[in-house]
Protein backbone atom coordinates (compact mmCIF):
# COMPACT_ATOMS: atom_id res chain seq x y z
CA MET A 1 105.87 104.58 44.80
CA ALA A 2 102.99 102.49 43.54
CA VAL A 3 105.42 100.11 41.85
CA TYR A 4 107.47 97.76 44.02
CA ARG A 5 109.69 94.81 43.13
CA ILE A 6 110.99 91.81 45.00
CA PHE A 7 113.55 89.37 43.68
CA PRO A 8 113.48 85.54 43.67
CA GLU A 9 114.61 83.47 46.61
CA LYS A 10 115.30 80.68 44.13
CA ASP A 11 115.02 79.93 40.41
CA THR A 12 116.16 77.27 37.98
CA PHE A 13 115.02 75.36 34.93
CA ILE A 14 114.41 71.67 34.37
CA PHE A 15 115.23 69.90 31.12
CA THR A 16 114.62 66.57 29.43
CA GLU A 17 118.13 66.42 27.91
CA VAL A 18 119.51 65.41 31.30
CA PRO A 19 116.45 64.33 33.32
CA THR A 20 118.33 64.15 36.64
CA GLY A 21 120.49 67.25 36.09
CA ASN A 22 120.17 70.40 38.20
CA ALA A 23 120.72 74.01 37.06
CA GLY A 24 120.01 75.88 40.28
CA LYS A 25 122.97 78.27 39.96
CA ASP A 26 122.82 78.89 36.24
CA GLU A 27 122.95 82.55 35.21
CA ILE A 28 120.54 81.77 32.38
CA ILE A 29 117.19 80.01 32.77
CA GLU A 30 115.38 78.57 29.77
CA ILE A 31 112.01 77.72 28.30
CA GLY A 32 112.15 75.64 25.14
CA GLY A 33 110.98 73.00 22.74
CA TYR A 34 113.74 71.80 20.42
CA SER A 35 115.53 68.74 19.06
CA ASP A 36 118.92 67.51 20.20
CA ILE A 37 121.71 66.42 17.86
CA ALA A 38 120.06 63.00 17.50
CA GLY A 39 116.78 64.61 16.41
CA THR A 40 114.97 63.79 19.66
CA GLY A 41 112.46 66.39 20.86
CA GLU A 42 113.47 68.06 24.14
CA THR A 43 111.78 70.47 26.56
CA ASN A 44 112.86 73.08 29.13
CA ARG A 45 110.67 74.64 31.84
CA ILE A 46 111.44 77.40 34.37
CA LEU A 47 110.78 77.15 38.12
CA ILE A 48 110.85 80.38 40.13
CA GLN A 49 109.83 81.22 43.70
CA TYR A 50 109.50 84.44 45.71
CA SER A 51 109.58 84.63 49.49
CA THR A 52 106.21 84.32 51.20
CA SER A 53 107.30 86.66 53.99
CA GLU A 54 108.37 89.31 51.47
CA ILE A 55 105.08 88.99 49.60
CA ASN A 56 103.10 89.33 52.82
CA ASP A 57 105.19 92.30 53.97
CA VAL A 58 104.64 94.21 50.72
CA ILE A 59 100.90 93.65 50.92
CA SER A 60 100.52 94.42 54.64
CA SER A 61 103.00 97.28 55.12
CA LYS A 62 102.98 99.01 51.72
CA ILE A 63 99.83 98.21 49.75
CA GLY A 64 97.38 97.85 52.62
CA ALA A 65 93.74 97.73 51.51
CA ALA A 66 94.42 99.09 48.01
CA THR A 67 93.68 97.00 44.93
CA TYR A 68 96.90 95.73 43.36
CA SER A 69 98.30 93.67 40.53
CA ALA A 70 101.29 91.34 40.69
CA SER A 71 103.29 90.01 37.75
CA ILE A 72 106.29 87.77 37.09
CA ASN A 73 108.92 89.53 34.98
CA LEU A 74 111.97 88.09 33.21
CA TYR A 75 114.28 89.79 30.73
CA LEU A 76 115.13 87.93 27.54
CA ALA A 77 118.83 87.24 27.06
CA ASP A 78 118.65 85.32 23.79
CA ALA A 79 116.15 83.44 21.65
CA TYR A 80 116.19 80.99 18.75
CA GLU A 81 113.57 80.12 16.15
CA ILE A 82 110.62 81.48 18.07
CA PRO A 83 107.25 81.44 16.30
CA VAL A 84 105.71 84.68 15.06
CA ASP A 85 102.90 84.21 17.58
CA TYR A 86 103.06 82.10 20.72
CA ASP A 87 101.84 81.96 24.32
CA LEU A 88 103.66 81.34 27.58
CA TYR A 89 101.98 79.71 30.56
CA ALA A 90 102.58 80.07 34.29
CA TYR A 91 101.09 77.90 37.05
CA PRO A 92 101.60 77.72 40.83
CA ILE A 93 103.80 74.72 41.60
CA TYR A 94 102.37 71.85 43.62
CA GLY A 95 105.05 70.51 45.98
CA SER A 96 108.23 71.98 47.44
CA TRP A 97 111.55 71.68 45.61
CA ASP A 98 115.25 72.20 46.26
CA ASN A 99 117.01 74.86 44.22
CA GLY A 100 120.40 73.14 44.01
CA VAL A 101 123.77 74.53 42.93
CA GLY A 102 124.18 72.91 39.52
CA LYS A 103 124.51 74.34 36.03
CA PHE A 104 123.27 73.11 32.67
CA GLY A 105 125.92 70.89 31.11
CA ASP A 106 127.72 70.02 34.36
CA ILE A 107 129.97 66.95 34.10
CA PRO A 108 129.52 64.87 36.13
CA ILE A 109 125.77 65.47 36.35
CA ASN A 110 124.88 67.67 39.30
CA THR A 111 122.04 66.26 41.40
CA THR A 112 122.03 68.77 44.27
CA GLY A 113 118.48 69.96 43.58
CA VAL A 114 115.37 69.84 41.46
CA SER A 115 115.47 68.22 38.03
CA TRP A 116 113.05 67.02 35.35
CA GLN A 117 112.46 63.81 37.31
CA TYR A 118 112.92 64.82 40.94
CA LYS A 119 111.90 67.63 43.32
CA LYS A 120 114.66 67.18 45.85
CA ALA A 121 118.43 66.79 46.02
CA GLY A 122 120.05 63.42 45.53
CA GLU A 123 117.47 62.23 42.99
CA SER A 124 114.76 61.97 45.63
CA ASP A 125 111.02 62.68 45.75
CA ALA A 126 110.01 62.18 42.13
CA TRP A 127 107.44 64.44 40.52
CA THR A 128 104.01 62.83 40.39
CA THR A 129 103.16 61.49 36.95
CA VAL A 130 99.94 59.55 37.66
CA GLY A 131 97.19 59.87 40.25
CA PHE A 132 97.40 63.65 40.59
CA ALA A 133 95.92 65.40 43.62
CA ALA A 134 92.70 67.35 43.10
CA ASN A 135 93.12 70.49 40.97
CA THR A 136 96.71 69.59 40.06
CA THR A 137 98.38 68.08 37.04
CA GLY A 138 101.66 67.61 35.17
CA SER A 139 102.64 66.78 31.62
CA TYR A 140 105.28 64.95 29.63
CA LYS A 141 105.36 63.25 26.27
CA PRO A 142 104.48 59.54 26.37
CA GLY A 143 107.50 57.40 25.61
CA THR A 144 109.91 59.93 27.12
CA THR A 145 111.28 60.34 30.65
CA ALA A 146 108.40 61.02 33.04
CA GLY A 147 108.50 64.18 35.14
CA GLY A 148 108.49 67.87 34.34
CA GLY A 149 106.88 69.26 37.48
CA ASN A 150 103.43 69.39 39.05
CA TRP A 151 101.18 72.42 39.21
CA TYR A 152 97.79 73.72 40.21
CA THR A 153 95.24 74.34 37.50
CA GLY A 154 92.71 75.83 39.91
CA SER A 155 91.64 76.03 43.54
CA ASN A 156 88.31 76.81 45.18
CA GLY A 157 86.84 77.69 41.82
CA VAL A 158 89.71 80.06 40.90
CA ASN A 159 91.44 79.49 37.56
CA LEU A 160 95.20 79.34 38.20
CA GLU A 161 96.38 79.17 34.61
CA PHE A 162 98.13 82.43 33.70
CA THR A 163 99.17 83.33 30.18
CA GLN A 164 101.00 85.93 28.14
CA SER A 165 100.71 86.22 24.36
CA HIS A 166 103.62 87.31 22.16
CA GLY A 167 103.43 88.58 18.61
CA LEU A 168 105.67 89.79 15.81
CA ASN A 169 106.78 93.00 17.51
CA SER A 170 107.03 91.61 21.04
CA SER A 171 110.18 92.16 23.09
CA ASN A 172 109.68 88.53 24.21
CA ASP A 173 110.32 89.53 27.81
CA VAL A 174 108.09 87.78 30.32
CA ASN A 175 105.38 89.81 32.05
CA ILE A 176 102.66 87.46 33.32
CA ASN A 177 99.94 88.69 35.65
CA ILE A 178 99.63 86.22 38.55
CA THR A 179 97.60 88.40 40.93
CA LYS A 180 95.06 85.72 41.84
CA ALA A 181 97.76 83.30 43.00
CA ILE A 182 99.56 86.00 45.03
CA GLN A 183 96.27 86.90 46.73
CA MET A 184 95.80 83.23 47.66
CA PHE A 185 99.38 82.96 48.97
CA ASN A 186 98.76 86.01 51.13
CA ALA A 187 95.44 84.63 52.39
CA ASN A 188 97.12 81.27 53.12
CA THR A 189 94.59 79.44 50.94
CA LEU A 190 97.33 78.22 48.60
CA THR A 191 100.85 77.12 49.50
CA ASN A 192 103.58 79.18 47.88
CA ASN A 193 105.97 76.82 46.09
CA GLY A 194 106.63 79.26 43.30
CA PHE A 195 105.63 79.03 39.65
CA ILE A 196 106.43 76.88 36.66
CA LEU A 197 106.70 78.61 33.27
CA LYS A 198 106.35 76.66 30.05
CA LEU A 199 105.43 76.67 26.39
CA PRO A 200 102.09 75.25 25.26
CA ASN A 201 102.13 71.47 24.85
CA ASN A 202 102.17 71.64 21.03
CA LEU A 203 105.48 73.55 21.03
CA GLU A 204 107.28 71.36 23.56
CA TYR A 205 109.32 68.37 22.37
CA ASN A 206 109.65 70.19 19.05
CA THR A 207 111.52 68.46 16.22
CA THR A 208 110.71 70.91 13.39
CA ALA A 209 112.10 74.05 15.06
CA SER A 210 114.62 74.76 17.79
CA ILE A 211 112.56 77.05 20.02
CA ARG A 212 114.70 78.30 22.89
CA LEU A 213 113.91 81.29 25.07
CA LYS A 214 116.79 82.17 27.39
CA TYR A 215 116.23 84.59 30.25
CA TYR A 216 118.51 86.15 32.85
CA GLY A 217 118.19 84.29 36.15
CA ALA A 218 118.63 85.41 39.74
CA ASP A 219 122.34 84.52 39.54
CA THR A 220 122.99 86.82 36.61
CA ASN A 221 125.90 89.24 36.80
CA THR A 222 123.87 91.77 34.79
CA ILE A 223 121.29 94.37 35.87
CA TYR A 224 118.45 92.17 34.57
CA PRO A 225 117.44 89.69 37.30
CA PRO A 226 113.87 88.35 37.39
CA PHE A 227 111.42 90.12 39.69
CA LEU A 228 107.90 90.03 41.01
CA GLU A 229 106.33 93.43 40.44
CA PHE A 230 103.48 94.84 42.53
CA LYS A 231 101.49 97.83 41.28
CA TRP A 232 98.82 99.79 43.08
CA ASP A 233 97.32 103.27 43.08
CA ASP A 234 98.59 105.25 46.08
CA SER A 235 97.74 108.66 44.64
CA THR A 236 95.64 111.41 46.21
CA TYR A 237 94.66 114.62 44.48
CA SER A 238 93.54 117.74 46.32
CA THR A 239 94.77 121.09 45.00
CA GLY A 240 93.59 123.18 47.95
CA SER A 241 94.13 126.83 47.03
CA LEU A 242 96.57 126.05 44.22
CA SER A 243 95.74 126.82 40.61
CA VAL A 244 96.12 124.00 38.11
CA LEU A 245 98.88 124.54 35.56
CA SER A 246 97.57 124.80 31.99
CA ASN A 247 100.16 126.83 30.08
CA SER A 248 102.31 124.63 27.84
CA THR A 249 105.20 127.10 28.27
CA SER A 250 105.98 126.15 31.83
CA ILE A 251 108.76 125.17 34.19
CA ILE A 252 108.37 121.81 35.97
CA ASN A 253 111.07 120.49 38.28
CA LEU A 254 111.78 118.58 41.48
CA THR A 255 112.56 120.56 44.60
CA ASN A 256 114.13 117.98 46.92
CA ASN A 257 116.23 115.48 44.98
CA LYS A 258 119.26 114.82 47.20
CA GLY A 259 120.99 112.76 44.52
CA LYS A 260 121.84 109.72 46.68
CA TYR A 261 119.65 107.39 48.74
CA VAL A 262 120.25 104.18 50.66
CA ASP A 263 118.25 101.13 49.58
CA ILE A 264 115.79 101.23 52.46
CA GLY A 265 112.42 102.87 52.93
CA LYS A 266 110.87 105.39 50.60
CA GLN A 267 111.53 108.93 49.42
CA ARG A 268 108.83 111.49 48.68
CA PHE A 269 109.74 113.70 45.75
CA ARG A 270 108.13 117.14 45.53
CA VAL A 271 107.24 118.71 42.19
CA SER A 272 107.32 122.46 41.53
CA ALA A 273 105.34 123.82 38.58
CA ARG A 274 104.66 127.32 37.27
CA PRO A 275 104.21 129.19 33.98
CA LYS A 276 107.51 130.27 32.50
CA TYR A 277 106.08 133.75 32.04
CA PRO A 278 103.58 134.48 34.83
CA VAL A 279 100.73 136.90 34.18
CA ARG A 280 101.56 140.37 35.48
CA SER A 281 99.68 141.37 38.61
CA PHE A 282 100.02 143.72 41.56
CA THR A 283 101.25 141.62 44.47
CA THR A 284 103.60 141.83 47.42
CA SER A 285 105.45 138.62 46.48
CA SER A 286 107.12 137.43 43.30
CA ALA A 287 104.84 135.60 40.87
CA TYR A 288 107.81 133.37 40.10
CA LEU A 289 107.50 131.86 43.59
CA THR A 290 103.87 130.81 43.21
CA ASN A 291 103.54 127.04 42.90
CA TYR A 292 100.90 125.40 40.74
CA ALA A 293 99.30 121.97 40.78
CA LEU A 294 99.98 119.68 37.84
CA PRO A 295 96.87 118.44 36.00
CA LEU A 296 95.24 115.30 37.39
CA ALA A 297 96.53 113.23 34.45
CA SER A 298 100.22 113.59 35.32
CA TYR A 299 102.61 110.69 35.79
CA TRP A 300 106.18 109.92 36.83
CA GLY A 301 108.64 107.37 35.49
CA LEU A 302 112.17 106.10 36.18
CA ARG A 303 114.81 105.49 33.54
CA ASP A 304 118.09 103.68 34.06
CA GLU A 305 120.75 106.31 33.50
CA ASN A 306 123.25 103.93 31.89
CA THR A 307 121.08 101.70 29.71
CA GLU A 308 118.41 104.37 29.05
CA GLU A 309 115.73 101.72 29.56
CA MET A 310 112.56 102.56 31.46
CA VAL A 311 112.70 100.86 34.85
CA VAL A 312 109.28 102.19 35.84
CA ASP A 313 107.30 103.28 32.78
CA PHE A 314 104.52 105.85 32.81
CA ASP A 315 101.31 104.12 33.86
CA THR A 316 97.92 105.83 33.88
CA ASN A 317 96.78 103.62 36.76
CA PHE A 318 99.85 103.16 38.92
CA THR A 319 102.30 106.08 38.54
CA LYS A 320 99.97 109.02 39.03
CA ILE A 321 101.44 112.16 40.58
CA SER A 322 99.59 113.12 43.75
CA CYS A 323 98.77 116.64 44.88
CA ASP A 324 98.18 118.38 48.21
CA SER A 325 98.07 122.04 49.24
CA ASN A 326 101.85 122.33 48.73
CA GLY A 327 101.88 120.95 45.18
CA GLY A 328 102.60 117.71 43.38
CA PHE A 329 104.45 114.73 44.87
CA PHE A 330 105.09 111.00 44.47
CA ASP A 331 106.79 108.29 46.54
CA VAL A 332 109.60 105.98 45.45
CA TYR A 333 110.50 102.89 47.50
CA MET A 334 114.27 102.74 47.33
CA ASP A 335 114.40 99.12 48.54
CA GLY A 336 112.40 98.14 45.44
CA LEU A 337 115.22 99.33 43.17
CA GLN A 338 118.58 97.75 42.45
CA PRO A 339 121.40 99.36 44.45
CA GLU A 340 124.51 100.91 42.93
CA ARG A 341 122.51 102.16 39.96
CA TYR A 342 121.71 105.66 38.74
CA TYR A 343 118.11 106.53 37.89
CA ARG A 344 116.60 109.51 36.07
CA ILE A 345 113.17 110.84 37.04
CA LEU A 346 110.82 111.85 34.23
CA VAL A 347 107.44 113.57 34.43
CA LYS A 348 104.68 113.21 31.85
CA THR A 349 101.72 115.59 31.69
CA THR A 350 99.33 117.27 29.28
CA LEU A 351 99.25 121.08 29.08
CA ASP A 352 97.08 123.10 26.71
CA GLY A 353 96.24 119.95 24.74
CA SER A 354 99.86 118.91 24.26
CA THR A 355 101.43 115.90 26.00
CA THR A 356 104.98 116.46 27.12
CA VAL A 357 107.67 114.47 28.92
CA VAL A 358 109.76 116.66 31.20
CA ASP A 359 113.42 115.66 31.60
CA ASN A 360 115.40 118.06 33.76
CA GLN A 361 118.23 115.61 34.43
CA ASN A 362 116.93 114.77 37.90
CA ILE A 363 119.27 111.86 38.57
CA PHE A 364 119.80 109.93 41.78
CA LYS A 365 121.80 106.94 42.86
CA VAL A 366 120.65 104.09 45.11
CA VAL A 367 123.45 102.83 47.38
CA ARG A 368 123.61 99.77 49.58
CA ASN A 369 122.84 100.32 53.23
CA GLY A 370 126.06 99.62 55.11
């Protein structure tokens, strides 16, 4: 599988409404610029961090020397008064922080972890607001409570500002490419303290609209936790003595789907392909047993069986179906999928000028190991 996901080791959001409050165990994490009931402009920013050891393991033991991309992904839970067009920004955080066990709105105020003003539990180690280290910064509105995090803007000539643009028809989910920062974490040229996600400065502290983007956090009880997604091309294509399938009236299926897999390691799925009506010929074996190679431009995808959402969408760069002398195949890392879920495998290819998505109800379940 050339798509692999890891999940956060910690996430939260910090907010000006309660500058010392922690939300480290909130099921929902927020980005926003809105006014409170008194008409005062407020701001929310997300902090999220993935394990350095997990990042390094994916790169060393799965990706190897291949070129890859890495992106932060969050699913939108709810949104209010968002602009037609807007950008989101992500930056590597400068300075370590405590996750905490609080929730937004806790009474009394929970101070067990990071907040708008402080990095650490117990209202300690305030965020820097003046005299920033080289290549780092922070921002807050003058006349309001200082804080809001510190982040890198660049390092060794590398721009570390990452953005995603949203428009009218956007799903408003977060998918921000942060490959450069992940490469620097892996090379140990930048310390991994996670990322801060925020609106542009002109939309924060908003008093004319109540912009609130609410995403499922790591503590969600849904199937939509945040994840860091790696993509790379692991495909090889050598047909050997196989003919390449070209007839649009064909039968394409998987030959080795066992239906249930534990959430460790990877599974190689084999693809069988042949014309539905083979050309008649004199032979000592059945033409119906002759396997064909799928065309080079063939791809696989995974769909959640219950929600019918694409978990791994067809990607012309990263979900190519490989081929060897036995036929088509692709690898799926089961530990990159959520356990106790059912997934449906789809195949997309082009035959005789027509693009088709093959769905033969190849469903499998990922179960927890032990």
